[in-house]
Amino acid sequence: MRMYLISDNVDTYTGMRLAGVDGVVIHSKKHLKQQLDKAIADKTIGIILITEKFSREFPEIVDDVKLNRRLPLIIEIPDRHGTGRKPNFITDYVNEAIGLKL
């Protein structure tokens, strides 16, 4: 199985291409839906990397795939501008999950 990138940023796409990951750069909701459908139909794709910006802007499209399909796995990645998450989001997540302050 291989990975496939759906990005809104050319720099992220270029970096992933250098790492050997195919993908596309898109900028609209319509194109996001088209590319996700295309990637889902390709049975050689096991992981779809998608920039966090798309997950924040179009959660209904991304969440539909995450909740209703086992494969491909969707992984949200930050782009070159960084993540939209708080700096200590992992620690906060663990604290909330186990109820202990780390």
PDB file of N, CA and C in Angstrom:
ATOM      1  N   MET A   1       0.846  -1.170   0.000  1.00  0.00           N
ATOM      2  CA  MET A   1       0.000   0.000   0.000  1.00  0.00           C
ATOM      3  C   MET A   1       0.892   1.235   0.000  1.00  0.00           C
ATOM      4  N   ARG A   2       0.365   2.283  -0.562  1.00  0.00           N
ATOM      5  CA  ARG A   2       1.149   3.515  -0.654  1.00  0.00           C
ATOM      6  C   ARG A   2       0.399   4.694  -0.065  1.00  0.00           C
ATOM      7  N   MET A   3       1.143   5.786   0.106  1.00  0.00           N
ATOM      8  CA  MET A   3       0.560   7.017   0.631  1.00  0.00           C
ATOM      9  C   MET A   3       0.259   7.968  -0.511  1.00  0.00           C
ATOM     10  N   TYR A   4      -0.704   8.854  -0.254  1.00  0.00           N
ATOM     11  CA  TYR A   4      -1.118   9.851  -1.239  1.00  0.00           C
ATOM     12  C   TYR A   4      -1.407  11.142  -0.489  1.00  0.00           C
ATOM     13  N   LEU A   5      -0.918  12.264  -1.013  1.00  0.00           N
ATOM     14  CA  LEU A   5      -1.076  13.558  -0.363  1.00  0.00           C
ATOM     15  C   LEU A   5      -2.125  14.408  -1.063  1.00  0.00           C
ATOM     16  N   ILE A   6      -3.008  15.018  -0.278  1.00  0.00           N
ATOM     17  CA  ILE A   6      -3.927  16.042  -0.772  1.00  0.00           C
ATOM     18  C   ILE A   6      -3.594  17.298   0.016  1.00  0.00           C
ATOM     19  N   SER A   7      -3.032  18.286  -0.672  1.00  0.00           N
ATOM     20  CA  SER A   7      -2.508  19.477  -0.007  1.00  0.00           C
ATOM     21  C   SER A   7      -3.093  20.745  -0.606  1.00  0.00           C
ATOM     22  N   ASP A   8      -3.074  21.798   0.191  1.00  0.00           N
ATOM     23  CA  ASP A   8      -3.459  23.119  -0.290  1.00  0.00           C
ATOM     24  C   ASP A   8      -2.223  23.980  -0.513  1.00  0.00           C
ATOM     25  N   ASN A   9      -1.045  23.400  -0.340  1.00  0.00           N
ATOM     26  CA  ASN A   9       0.184  24.150  -0.339  1.00  0.00           C
ATOM     27  C   ASN A   9       1.228  23.480  -1.232  1.00  0.00           C
ATOM     28  N   VAL A  10       1.807  24.242  -2.148  1.00  0.00           N
ATOM     29  CA  VAL A  10       2.803  23.704  -3.076  1.00  0.00           C
ATOM     30  C   VAL A  10       4.065  23.265  -2.340  1.00  0.00           C
ATOM     31  N   ASP A  11       4.451  23.998  -1.297  1.00  0.00           N
ATOM     32  CA  ASP A  11       5.655  23.631  -0.547  1.00  0.00           C
ATOM     33  C   ASP A  11       5.508  22.279   0.146  1.00  0.00           C
ATOM     34  N   THR A  12       4.358  22.026   0.729  1.00  0.00           N
ATOM     35  CA  THR A  12       4.099  20.733   1.360  1.00  0.00           C
ATOM     36  C   THR A  12       4.132  19.630   0.311  1.00  0.00           C
ATOM     37  N   TYR A  13       3.515  19.877  -0.812  1.00  0.00           N
ATOM     38  CA  TYR A  13       3.514  18.911  -1.912  1.00  0.00           C
ATOM     39  C   TYR A  13       4.942  18.609  -2.369  1.00  0.00           C
ATOM     40  N   THR A  14       5.744  19.651  -2.540  1.00  0.00           N
ATOM     41  CA  THR A  14       7.121  19.473  -3.012  1.00  0.00           C
ATOM     42  C   THR A  14       7.935  18.647  -2.011  1.00  0.00           C
ATOM     43  N   GLY A  15       7.793  18.959  -0.731  1.00  0.00           N
ATOM     44  CA  GLY A  15       8.507  18.195   0.285  1.00  0.00           C
ATOM     45  C   GLY A  15       8.114  16.732   0.296  1.00  0.00           C
ATOM     46  N   MET A  16       6.840  16.462   0.157  1.00  0.00           N
ATOM     47  CA  MET A  16       6.383  15.074   0.145  1.00  0.00           C
ATOM     48  C   MET A  16       6.812  14.351  -1.131  1.00  0.00           C
ATOM     49  N   ARG A  17       6.841  15.064  -2.233  1.00  0.00           N
ATOM     50  CA  ARG A  17       7.319  14.457  -3.492  1.00  0.00           C
ATOM     51  C   ARG A  17       8.789  14.048  -3.354  1.00  0.00           C
ATOM     52  N   LEU A  18       9.581  14.893  -2.671  1.00  0.00           N
ATOM     53  CA  LEU A  18      10.989  14.554  -2.435  1.00  0.00           C
ATOM     54  C   LEU A  18      11.122  13.299  -1.573  1.00  0.00           C
ATOM     55  N   ALA A  19      10.128  13.048  -0.747  1.00  0.00           N
ATOM     56  CA  ALA A  19      10.109  11.843   0.091  1.00  0.00           C
ATOM     57  C   ALA A  19       9.484  10.648  -0.625  1.00  0.00           C
ATOM     58  N   GLY A  20       9.042  10.848  -1.869  1.00  0.00           N
ATOM     59  CA  GLY A  20       8.491   9.751  -2.658  1.00  0.00           C
ATOM     60  C   GLY A  20       6.987   9.569  -2.560  1.00  0.00           C
ATOM     61  N   VAL A  21       6.284  10.569  -2.031  1.00  0.00           N
ATOM     62  CA  VAL A  21       4.826  10.470  -1.879  1.00  0.00           C
ATOM     63  C   VAL A  21       4.148  11.238  -3.010  1.00  0.00           C
ATOM     64  N   ASP A  22       3.305  10.553  -3.770  1.00  0.00           N
ATOM     65  CA  ASP A  22       2.521  11.211  -4.827  1.00  0.00           C
ATOM     66  C   ASP A  22       1.402  12.023  -4.209  1.00  0.00           C
ATOM     67  N   GLY A  23       0.860  12.961  -4.993  1.00  0.00           N
ATOM     68  CA  GLY A  23      -0.254  13.726  -4.484  1.00  0.00           C
ATOM     69  C   GLY A  23      -0.684  14.821  -5.423  1.00  0.00           C
ATOM     70  N   VAL A  24      -1.537  15.699  -4.909  1.00  0.00           N
ATOM     71  CA  VAL A  24      -2.062  16.823  -5.679  1.00  0.00           C
ATOM     72  C   VAL A  24      -2.141  18.053  -4.782  1.00  0.00           C
ATOM     73  N   VAL A  25      -2.162  19.223  -5.443  1.00  0.00           N
ATOM     74  CA  VAL A  25      -2.401  20.486  -4.757  1.00  0.00           C
ATOM     75  C   VAL A  25      -3.735  21.006  -5.266  1.00  0.00           C
ATOM     76  N   ILE A  26      -4.648  21.265  -4.331  1.00  0.00           N
ATOM     77  CA  ILE A  26      -5.975  21.762  -4.697  1.00  0.00           C
ATOM     78  C   ILE A  26      -6.340  22.922  -3.789  1.00  0.00           C
ATOM     79  N   HIS A  27      -7.396  23.650  -4.160  1.00  0.00           N
ATOM     80  CA  HIS A  27      -7.754  24.841  -3.398  1.00  0.00           C
ATOM     81  C   HIS A  27      -9.254  25.023  -3.183  1.00  0.00           C
ATOM     82  N   SER A  28     -10.059  24.018  -3.496  1.00  0.00           N
ATOM     83  CA  SER A  28     -11.498  24.206  -3.335  1.00  0.00           C
ATOM     84  C   SER A  28     -12.157  22.952  -2.758  1.00  0.00           C
ATOM     85  N   LYS A  29     -13.337  23.156  -2.207  1.00  0.00           N
ATOM     86  CA  LYS A  29     -14.114  22.062  -1.630  1.00  0.00           C
ATOM     87  C   LYS A  29     -14.485  21.036  -2.697  1.00  0.00           C
ATOM     88  N   LYS A  30     -14.858  21.512  -3.864  1.00  0.00           N
ATOM     89  CA  LYS A  30     -15.243  20.625  -4.960  1.00  0.00           C
ATOM     90  C   LYS A  30     -14.085  19.709  -5.352  1.00  0.00           C
ATOM     91  N   HIS A  31     -12.898  20.295  -5.476  1.00  0.00           N
ATOM     92  CA  HIS A  31     -11.732  19.499  -5.856  1.00  0.00           C
ATOM     93  C   HIS A  31     -11.311  18.542  -4.734  1.00  0.00           C
ATOM     94  N   LEU A  32     -11.503  18.963  -3.482  1.00  0.00           N
ATOM     95  CA  LEU A  32     -11.191  18.074  -2.368  1.00  0.00           C
ATOM     96  C   LEU A  32     -12.055  16.819  -2.446  1.00  0.00           C
ATOM     97  N   LYS A  33     -13.337  16.992  -2.652  1.00  0.00           N
ATOM     98  CA  LYS A  33     -14.258  15.855  -2.759  1.00  0.00           C
ATOM     99  C   LYS A  33     -13.869  14.946  -3.928  1.00  0.00           C
ATOM    100  N   GLN A  34     -13.551  15.548  -5.079  1.00  0.00           N
ATOM    101  CA  GLN A  34     -13.157  14.769  -6.251  1.00  0.00           C
ATOM    102  C   GLN A  34     -11.891  13.962  -5.990  1.00  0.00           C
ATOM    103  N   GLN A  35     -10.893  14.604  -5.388  1.00  0.00           N
ATOM    104  CA  GLN A  35      -9.625  13.918  -5.142  1.00  0.00           C
ATOM    105  C   GLN A  35      -9.748  12.836  -4.077  1.00  0.00           C
ATOM    106  N   LEU A  36     -10.554  13.072  -3.060  1.00  0.00           N
ATOM    107  CA  LEU A  36     -10.787  12.030  -2.055  1.00  0.00           C
ATOM    108  C   LEU A  36     -11.481  10.823  -2.681  1.00  0.00           C
ATOM    109  N   ASP A  37     -12.492  11.076  -3.488  1.00  0.00           N
ATOM    110  CA  ASP A  37     -13.189   9.974  -4.164  1.00  0.00           C
ATOM    111  C   ASP A  37     -12.238   9.186  -5.062  1.00  0.00           C
ATOM    112  N   LYS A  38     -11.385   9.906  -5.762  1.00  0.00           N
ATOM    113  CA  LYS A  38     -10.404   9.262  -6.653  1.00  0.00           C
ATOM    114  C   LYS A  38      -9.414   8.425  -5.839  1.00  0.00           C
ATOM    115  N   ALA A  39      -8.925   8.971  -4.718  1.00  0.00           N
ATOM    116  CA  ALA A  39      -7.966   8.245  -3.889  1.00  0.00           C
ATOM    117  C   ALA A  39      -8.608   7.022  -3.237  1.00  0.00           C
ATOM    118  N   ILE A  40      -9.856   7.146  -2.809  1.00  0.00           N
ATOM    119  CA  ILE A  40     -10.565   6.020  -2.197  1.00  0.00           C
ATOM    120  C   ILE A  40     -10.771   4.894  -3.203  1.00  0.00           C
ATOM    121  N   ALA A  41     -11.033   5.246  -4.444  1.00  0.00           N
ATOM    122  CA  ALA A  41     -11.260   4.240  -5.485  1.00  0.00           C
ATOM    123  C   ALA A  41      -9.989   3.485  -5.843  1.00  0.00           C
ATOM    124  N   ASP A  42      -8.835   4.095  -5.625  1.00  0.00           N
ATOM    125  CA  ASP A  42      -7.552   3.462  -5.925  1.00  0.00           C
ATOM    126  C   ASP A  42      -7.182   2.534  -4.773  1.00  0.00           C
ATOM    127  N   LYS A  43      -7.292   1.246  -4.978  1.00  0.00           N
ATOM    128  CA  LYS A  43      -7.067   0.256  -3.913  1.00  0.00           C
ATOM    129  C   LYS A  43      -5.601   0.116  -3.528  1.00  0.00           C
ATOM    130  N   THR A  44      -4.680   0.743  -4.270  1.00  0.00           N
ATOM    131  CA  THR A  44      -3.269   0.686  -3.891  1.00  0.00           C
ATOM    132  C   THR A  44      -2.925   1.743  -2.840  1.00  0.00           C
ATOM    133  N   ILE A  45      -3.837   2.687  -2.585  1.00  0.00           N
ATOM    134  CA  ILE A  45      -3.603   3.745  -1.601  1.00  0.00           C
ATOM    135  C   ILE A  45      -4.127   3.291  -0.250  1.00  0.00           C
ATOM    136  N   GLY A  46      -3.230   3.223   0.733  1.00  0.00           N
ATOM    137  CA  GLY A  46      -3.611   2.799   2.074  1.00  0.00           C
ATOM    138  C   GLY A  46      -3.695   3.943   3.062  1.00  0.00           C
ATOM    139  N   ILE A  47      -2.962   5.034   2.766  1.00  0.00           N
ATOM    140  CA  ILE A  47      -2.946   6.195   3.651  1.00  0.00           C
ATOM    141  C   ILE A  47      -3.083   7.458   2.821  1.00  0.00           C
ATOM    142  N   ILE A  48      -4.024   8.305   3.216  1.00  0.00           N
ATOM    143  CA  ILE A  48      -4.171   9.614   2.584  1.00  0.00           C
ATOM    144  C   ILE A  48      -3.687  10.656   3.583  1.00  0.00           C
ATOM    145  N   LEU A  49      -2.674  11.416   3.179  1.00  0.00           N
ATOM    146  CA  LEU A  49      -2.190  12.526   3.987  1.00  0.00           C
ATOM    147  C   LEU A  49      -2.939  13.764   3.531  1.00  0.00           C
ATOM    148  N   ILE A  50      -3.523  14.494   4.464  1.00  0.00           N
ATOM    149  CA  ILE A  50      -4.298  15.683   4.118  1.00  0.00           C
ATOM    150  C   ILE A  50      -3.882  16.811   5.052  1.00  0.00           C
ATOM    151  N   THR A  51      -3.742  18.007   4.530  1.00  0.00           N
ATOM    152  CA  THR A  51      -3.310  19.120   5.375  1.00  0.00           C
ATOM    153  C   THR A  51      -4.406  19.489   6.377  1.00  0.00           C
ATOM    154  N   GLU A  52      -3.968  19.931   7.547  1.00  0.00           N
ATOM    155  CA  GLU A  52      -4.908  20.276   8.618  1.00  0.00           C
ATOM    156  C   GLU A  52      -5.890  21.363   8.186  1.00  0.00           C
ATOM    157  N   LYS A  53      -5.457  22.225   7.294  1.00  0.00           N
ATOM    158  CA  LYS A  53      -6.334  23.306   6.827  1.00  0.00           C
ATOM    159  C   LYS A  53      -7.611  22.741   6.211  1.00  0.00           C
ATOM    160  N   PHE A  54      -7.477  21.692   5.387  1.00  0.00           N
ATOM    161  CA  PHE A  54      -8.664  21.088   4.784  1.00  0.00           C
ATOM    162  C   PHE A  54      -9.567  20.464   5.845  1.00  0.00           C
ATOM    163  N   SER A  55      -8.979  19.836   6.836  1.00  0.00           N
ATOM    164  CA  SER A  55      -9.778  19.223   7.898  1.00  0.00           C
ATOM    165  C   SER A  55     -10.550  20.264   8.694  1.00  0.00           C
ATOM    166  N   ARG A  56      -9.952  21.424   8.890  1.00  0.00           N
ATOM    167  CA  ARG A  56     -10.644  22.503   9.613  1.00  0.00           C
ATOM    168  C   ARG A  56     -11.713  23.165   8.755  1.00  0.00           C
ATOM    169  N   GLU A  57     -11.429  23.373   7.471  1.00  0.00           N
ATOM    170  CA  GLU A  57     -12.362  24.083   6.596  1.00  0.00           C
ATOM    171  C   GLU A  57     -13.516  23.218   6.110  1.00  0.00           C
ATOM    172  N   PHE A  58     -13.257  21.922   5.880  1.00  0.00           N
ATOM    173  CA  PHE A  58     -14.276  21.027   5.329  1.00  0.00           C
ATOM    174  C   PHE A  58     -14.387  19.745   6.156  1.00  0.00           C
ATOM    175  N   PRO A  59     -14.722  19.870   7.439  1.00  0.00           N
ATOM    176  CA  PRO A  59     -14.758  18.671   8.287  1.00  0.00           C
ATOM    177  C   PRO A  59     -15.801  17.652   7.853  1.00  0.00           C
ATOM    178  N   GLU A  60     -16.883  18.115   7.256  1.00  0.00           N
ATOM    179  CA  GLU A  60     -17.939  17.167   6.859  1.00  0.00           C
ATOM    180  C   GLU A  60     -17.443  16.184   5.806  1.00  0.00           C
ATOM    181  N   ILE A  61     -16.587  16.616   4.904  1.00  0.00           N
ATOM    182  CA  ILE A  61     -16.060  15.729   3.858  1.00  0.00           C
ATOM    183  C   ILE A  61     -15.041  14.769   4.452  1.00  0.00           C
ATOM    184  N   VAL A  62     -14.103  15.292   5.214  1.00  0.00           N
ATOM    185  CA  VAL A  62     -13.029  14.467   5.779  1.00  0.00           C
ATOM    186  C   VAL A  62     -13.584  13.500   6.820  1.00  0.00           C
ATOM    187  N   ASP A  63     -14.449  13.974   7.701  1.00  0.00           N
ATOM    188  CA  ASP A  63     -15.011  13.116   8.741  1.00  0.00           C
ATOM    189  C   ASP A  63     -15.870  11.994   8.161  1.00  0.00           C
ATOM    190  N   ASP A  64     -16.541  12.252   7.053  1.00  0.00           N
ATOM    191  CA  ASP A  64     -17.345  11.216   6.417  1.00  0.00           C
ATOM    192  C   ASP A  64     -16.475  10.027   6.021  1.00  0.00           C
ATOM    193  N   VAL A  65     -15.323  10.304   5.455  1.00  0.00           N
ATOM    194  CA  VAL A  65     -14.410   9.225   5.064  1.00  0.00           C
ATOM    195  C   VAL A  65     -13.844   8.539   6.303  1.00  0.00           C
ATOM    196  N   LYS A  66     -13.450   9.321   7.301  1.00  0.00           N
ATOM    197  CA  LYS A  66     -12.880   8.742   8.521  1.00  0.00           C
ATOM    198  C   LYS A  66     -13.864   7.822   9.240  1.00  0.00           C
ATOM    199  N   LEU A  67     -15.115   8.227   9.300  1.00  0.00           N
ATOM    200  CA  LEU A  67     -16.098   7.470  10.073  1.00  0.00           C
ATOM    201  C   LEU A  67     -16.720   6.300   9.321  1.00  0.00           C
ATOM    202  N   ASN A  68     -16.762   6.366   8.009  1.00  0.00           N
ATOM    203  CA  ASN A  68     -17.493   5.368   7.246  1.00  0.00           C
ATOM    204  C   ASN A  68     -16.635   4.397   6.450  1.00  0.00           C
ATOM    205  N   ARG A  69     -15.326   4.522   6.538  1.00  0.00           N
ATOM    206  CA  ARG A  69     -14.442   3.629   5.780  1.00  0.00           C
ATOM    207  C   ARG A  69     -13.300   3.147   6.652  1.00  0.00           C
ATOM    208  N   ARG A  70     -12.928   1.924   6.473  1.00  0.00           N
ATOM    209  CA  ARG A  70     -11.775   1.386   7.189  1.00  0.00           C
ATOM    210  C   ARG A  70     -10.490   1.769   6.484  1.00  0.00           C
ATOM    211  N   LEU A  71     -10.510   1.722   5.175  1.00  0.00           N
ATOM    212  CA  LEU A  71      -9.355   2.106   4.364  1.00  0.00           C
ATOM    213  C   LEU A  71      -9.812   3.068   3.292  1.00  0.00           C
ATOM    214  N   PRO A  72      -9.040   3.981   2.915  1.00  0.00           N
ATOM    215  CA  PRO A  72      -7.716   4.311   3.409  1.00  0.00           C
ATOM    216  C   PRO A  72      -7.786   5.097   4.710  1.00  0.00           C
ATOM    217  N   LEU A  73      -6.687   5.032   5.437  1.00  0.00           N
ATOM    218  CA  LEU A  73      -6.546   5.787   6.671  1.00  0.00           C
ATOM    219  C   LEU A  73      -6.237   7.241   6.319  1.00  0.00           C
ATOM    220  N   ILE A  74      -6.909   8.181   6.964  1.00  0.00           N
ATOM    221  CA  ILE A  74      -6.644   9.599   6.705  1.00  0.00           C
ATOM    222  C   ILE A  74      -5.823  10.165   7.863  1.00  0.00           C
ATOM    223  N   ILE A  75      -4.685  10.743   7.517  1.00  0.00           N
ATOM    224  CA  ILE A  75      -3.794  11.362   8.492  1.00  0.00           C
ATOM    225  C   ILE A  75      -3.727  12.851   8.190  1.00  0.00           C
ATOM    226  N   GLU A  76      -4.005  13.659   9.200  1.00  0.00           N
ATOM    227  CA  GLU A  76      -3.923  15.112   9.047  1.00  0.00           C
ATOM    228  C   GLU A  76      -2.496  15.553   9.367  1.00  0.00           C
ATOM    229  N   ILE A  77      -1.899  16.331   8.476  1.00  0.00           N
ATOM    230  CA  ILE A  77      -0.536  16.810   8.686  1.00  0.00           C
ATOM    231  C   ILE A  77      -0.506  18.330   8.638  1.00  0.00           C
ATOM    232  N   PRO A  78       0.410  18.943   9.380  1.00  0.00           N
ATOM    233  CA  PRO A  78       0.553  20.398   9.284  1.00  0.00           C
ATOM    234  C   PRO A  78       1.248  20.760   7.980  1.00  0.00           C
ATOM    235  N   ASP A  79       1.028  21.975   7.510  1.00  0.00           N
ATOM    236  CA  ASP A  79       1.766  22.427   6.333  1.00  0.00           C
ATOM    237  C   ASP A  79       2.989  23.210   6.795  1.00  0.00           C
ATOM    238  N   ARG A  80       3.656  23.888   5.902  1.00  0.00           N
ATOM    239  CA  ARG A  80       4.896  24.575   6.243  1.00  0.00           C
ATOM    240  C   ARG A  80       4.684  25.727   7.216  1.00  0.00           C
ATOM    241  N   HIS A  81       3.469  26.174   7.389  1.00  0.00           N
ATOM    242  CA  HIS A  81       3.175  27.255   8.313  1.00  0.00           C
ATOM    243  C   HIS A  81       2.986  26.740   9.741  1.00  0.00           C
ATOM    244  N   GLY A  82       3.055  25.450   9.919  1.00  0.00           N
ATOM    245  CA  GLY A  82       2.901  24.869  11.244  1.00  0.00           C
ATOM    246  C   GLY A  82       1.505  24.324  11.462  1.00  0.00           C
ATOM    247  N   THR A  83       1.303  23.852  12.655  1.00  0.00           N
ATOM    248  CA  THR A  83       0.024  23.250  12.999  1.00  0.00           C
ATOM    249  C   THR A  83      -0.925  24.289  13.579  1.00  0.00           C
ATOM    250  N   GLY A  84      -2.194  24.022  13.485  1.00  0.00           N
ATOM    251  CA  GLY A  84      -3.186  24.902  14.065  1.00  0.00           C
ATOM    252  C   GLY A  84      -3.516  24.516  15.499  1.00  0.00           C
ATOM    253  N   ARG A  85      -2.817  23.539  16.016  1.00  0.00           N
ATOM    254  CA  ARG A  85      -3.078  23.050  17.367  1.00  0.00           C
ATOM    255  C   ARG A  85      -2.249  23.813  18.396  1.00  0.00           C
ATOM    256  N   LYS A  86      -2.676  23.715  19.646  1.00  0.00           N
ATOM    257  CA  LYS A  86      -1.924  24.324  20.734  1.00  0.00           C
ATOM    258  C   LYS A  86      -0.561  23.633  20.848  1.00  0.00           C
ATOM    259  N   PRO A  87       0.446  24.325  21.357  1.00  0.00           N
ATOM    260  CA  PRO A  87       1.785  23.736  21.468  1.00  0.00           C
ATOM    261  C   PRO A  87       1.830  22.464  22.314  1.00  0.00           C
ATOM    262  N   ASN A  88       0.993  22.351  23.322  1.00  0.00           N
ATOM    263  CA  ASN A  88       1.026  21.176  24.201  1.00  0.00           C
ATOM    264  C   ASN A  88      -0.218  20.308  24.040  1.00  0.00           C
ATOM    265  N   PHE A  89      -0.725  20.169  22.836  1.00  0.00           N
ATOM    266  CA  PHE A  89      -1.979  19.441  22.634  1.00  0.00           C
ATOM    267  C   PHE A  89      -1.863  17.961  22.985  1.00  0.00           C
ATOM    268  N   ILE A  90      -0.703  17.347  22.796  1.00  0.00           N
ATOM    269  CA  ILE A  90      -0.553  15.924  23.112  1.00  0.00           C
ATOM    270  C   ILE A  90      -0.610  15.723  24.631  1.00  0.00           C
ATOM    271  N   THR A  91       0.102  16.555  25.383  1.00  0.00           N
ATOM    272  CA  THR A  91       0.070  16.460  26.841  1.00  0.00           C
ATOM    273  C   THR A  91      -1.340  16.688  27.365  1.00  0.00           C
ATOM    274  N   ASP A  92      -2.022  17.686  26.837  1.00  0.00           N
ATOM    275  CA  ASP A  92      -3.405  17.945  27.269  1.00  0.00           C
ATOM    276  C   ASP A  92      -4.315  16.766  26.948  1.00  0.00           C
ATOM    277  N   TYR A  93      -4.113  16.149  25.787  1.00  0.00           N
ATOM    278  CA  TYR A  93      -4.919  15.002  25.383  1.00  0.00           C
ATOM    279  C   TYR A  93      -4.708  13.824  26.335  1.00  0.00           C
ATOM    280  N   VAL A  94      -3.450  13.550  26.670  1.00  0.00           N
ATOM    281  CA  VAL A  94      -3.139  12.452  27.588  1.00  0.00           C
ATOM    282  C   VAL A  94      -3.705  12.750  28.973  1.00  0.00           C
ATOM    283  N   ASN A  95      -3.544  13.991  29.435  1.00  0.00           N
ATOM    284  CA  ASN A  95      -4.090  14.374  30.747  1.00  0.00           C
ATOM    285  C   ASN A  95      -5.595  14.153  30.801  1.00  0.00           C
ATOM    286  N   GLU A  96      -6.276  14.535  29.755  1.00  0.00           N
ATOM    287  CA  GLU A  96      -7.724  14.369  29.699  1.00  0.00           C
ATOM    288  C   GLU A  96      -8.112  12.901  29.629  1.00  0.00           C
ATOM    289  N   ALA A  97      -7.335  12.117  28.874  1.00  0.00           N
ATOM    290  CA  ALA A  97      -7.675  10.695  28.684  1.00  0.00           C
ATOM    291  C   ALA A  97      -7.498   9.869  29.943  1.00  0.00           C
ATOM    292  N   ILE A  98      -6.416  10.119  30.687  1.00  0.00           N
ATOM    293  CA  ILE A  98      -6.159   9.270  31.867  1.00  0.00           C
ATOM    294  C   ILE A  98      -6.481   9.968  33.180  1.00  0.00           C
ATOM    295  N   GLY A  99      -6.755  11.263  33.135  1.00  0.00           N
ATOM    296  CA  GLY A  99      -7.143  11.979  34.329  1.00  0.00           C
ATOM    297  C   GLY A  99      -6.005  12.326  35.254  1.00  0.00           C
ATOM    298  N   LEU A 100      -4.784  12.275  34.753  1.00  0.00           N
ATOM    299  CA  LEU A 100      -3.632  12.636  35.568  1.00  0.00           C
ATOM    300  C   LEU A 100      -2.908  13.819  34.964  1.00  0.00           C
ATOM    301  N   LYS A 101      -2.338  14.635  35.826  1.00  0.00           N
ATOM    302  CA  LYS A 101      -1.560  15.785  35.352  1.00  0.00           C
ATOM    303  C   LYS A 101      -0.129  15.317  35.130  1.00  0.00           C
ATOM    304  N   LEU A 102       0.368  15.481  33.917  1.00  0.00           N
ATOM    305  CA  LEU A 102       1.741  15.072  33.606  1.00  0.00           C
ATOM    306  C   LEU A 102       2.692  16.232  33.737  1.00  0.00           C
TER     307      LEU A 102
END
